[in-house]
Each structure stands twice: as C-alpha cells, then as structure tokens.
C-alpha cells in the first residue's frame, strides 16, 4: 500500500467510513503500529482498542496497558493484571 493509498484510507476513516477504519485496524495490527492503533482506538474503534491491548500485551508494554485501563478498558486491565502477576511470580 502506498503512502497515498494510506492517506486516502485515513481520510475515508475520518469521514466515518467503517470499512476504511477496519482496513486501517487490520493494516496497523499487521505492522505492529501502536501509534495508528492508538489513534483509531482513541477515535472510538473498539477493534483498534482490542488490537492495541493484544499488541501491548505481547510486547509487555505496561505503560500502554495502564493508559488503556485508566480509560476504562477492562481487557487492558485484565492483561495488565496477568502480566504483573507473572512478574511477581518470577521474583
């Protein structure tokens, strides 16, 4: 996908095109692009939030999980709790 294609997709998503949002979430998830996922999640995409929680969990990004949990994301809170329990068990 070219930069122009990506820009067009973002413009469509900004106008409320749910298909474009879905494509952006999929692309960002494949690339591991937390910035894009965060932007989409902050814009209200539940799919982006789910992908962001999954990626942050895989990367052990406790700060991102804390940010999401503080915003009310229960999945993030659960993953954060699991990771913290694992860390406590390793000590």
Protein backbone atom coordinates (compact mmCIF):
# COMPACT_ATOMS: atom_id res chain seq x y z
CA UNK A 1 0.00 0.00 0.00
CA UNK A 2 1.39 3.37 -1.00
CA UNK A 3 1.51 6.41 1.26
CA UNK A 4 -1.19 7.97 -0.92
CA UNK A 5 -3.43 4.92 -0.50
CA UNK A 6 -2.94 5.09 3.25
CA UNK A 7 -3.73 8.81 3.30
CA UNK A 8 -6.91 8.18 1.30
CA UNK A 9 -7.91 5.40 3.69
CA UNK A 10 -7.32 7.68 6.69
CA UNK A 11 -9.39 10.43 5.09
CA UNK A 12 -12.25 7.99 4.49
CA UNK A 13 -11.99 6.75 8.07
CA UNK A 14 -12.07 10.33 9.37
CA UNK A 15 -15.32 10.83 7.45
CA UNK A 16 -16.87 7.87 9.25
CA UNK A 17 -16.28 5.08 6.72
CA UNK A 18 -16.30 1.98 8.94
CA UNK A 19 -14.80 -0.18 6.18
CA UNK A 20 -11.83 2.19 5.99
CA UNK A 21 -11.45 2.07 9.77
CA UNK A 22 -11.50 -1.71 9.63
CA UNK A 23 -8.83 -1.77 6.94
CA UNK A 24 -6.65 0.63 8.93
CA UNK A 25 -7.01 -1.51 12.05
CA UNK A 26 -6.03 -4.61 10.10
CA UNK A 27 -3.03 -2.91 8.50
CA UNK A 28 -1.87 -1.38 11.77
CA UNK A 29 -2.20 -4.73 13.52
CA UNK A 30 -0.15 -6.46 10.83
CA UNK A 31 2.56 -3.77 11.06
CA UNK A 32 2.50 -3.62 14.85
CA UNK A 33 1.79 0.10 14.55
CA UNK A 34 0.76 1.12 18.05
CA UNK A 35 0.56 4.80 17.12
CA UNK A 36 -2.04 4.12 14.41
CA UNK A 37 -3.96 1.71 16.64
CA UNK A 38 -3.94 4.23 19.49
CA UNK A 39 -5.25 6.96 17.19
CA UNK A 40 -8.04 4.72 15.93
CA UNK A 41 -8.90 3.45 19.41
CA UNK A 42 -8.97 7.00 20.77
CA UNK A 43 -11.32 7.80 17.90
CA UNK A 44 -13.76 5.17 19.12
CA UNK A 45 -12.78 1.99 17.27
CA UNK A 46 -13.36 -0.97 19.58
CA UNK A 47 -11.50 -3.22 17.13
CA UNK A 48 -8.46 -0.94 17.30
CA UNK A 49 -8.63 -0.96 21.09
CA UNK A 50 -8.75 -4.76 21.08
CA UNK A 51 -5.74 -4.94 18.74
CA UNK A 52 -3.89 -2.39 20.85
CA UNK A 53 -4.47 -4.39 24.04
CA UNK A 54 -3.30 -7.55 22.29
CA UNK A 55 -0.17 -5.92 20.90
CA UNK A 56 0.69 -4.13 24.14
CA UNK A 57 0.29 -7.43 25.98
CA UNK A 58 2.54 -9.26 23.52
CA UNK A 59 5.17 -6.53 23.84
CA UNK A 60 4.82 -6.28 27.61
CA UNK A 61 4.04 -2.56 27.27
CA UNK A 62 2.77 -1.96 30.79
CA UNK A 63 2.53 1.82 30.30
CA UNK A 64 0.16 1.41 27.33
CA UNK A 65 -1.90 -1.16 29.21
CA UNK A 66 -2.10 1.18 32.22
CA UNK A 67 -3.20 4.05 29.98
CA UNK A 68 -5.93 1.92 28.41
CA UNK A 69 -7.03 0.50 31.77
CA UNK A 70 -7.21 4.01 33.25
CA UNK A 71 -9.50 4.93 30.37
CA UNK A 72 -11.87 2.12 31.34
CA UNK A 73 -10.68 -0.69 29.07
CA UNK A 74 -11.38 -3.82 31.09
CA UNK A 75 -9.44 -6.10 28.75
CA UNK A 76 -6.35 -3.94 29.23
CA UNK A 77 -6.81 -4.07 33.00
CA UNK A 78 -7.07 -7.85 32.86
CA UNK A 79 -3.96 -8.27 30.68
CA UNK A 80 -2.06 -5.80 32.87
CA UNK A 81 -3.03 -7.74 35.97
CA UNK A 82 -1.90 -11.02 34.38
CA UNK A 83 1.45 -9.54 33.34
CA UNK A 84 2.05 -8.05 36.78
CA UNK A 85 1.21 -11.39 38.41
CA UNK A 86 3.69 -13.12 36.09
CA UNK A 87 6.36 -10.59 37.02
CA UNK A 88 5.67 -11.09 40.73
CA UNK A 89 5.93 -14.86 40.28
CA UNK A 90 9.29 -14.54 38.56
CA UNK A 91 10.84 -12.77 41.54
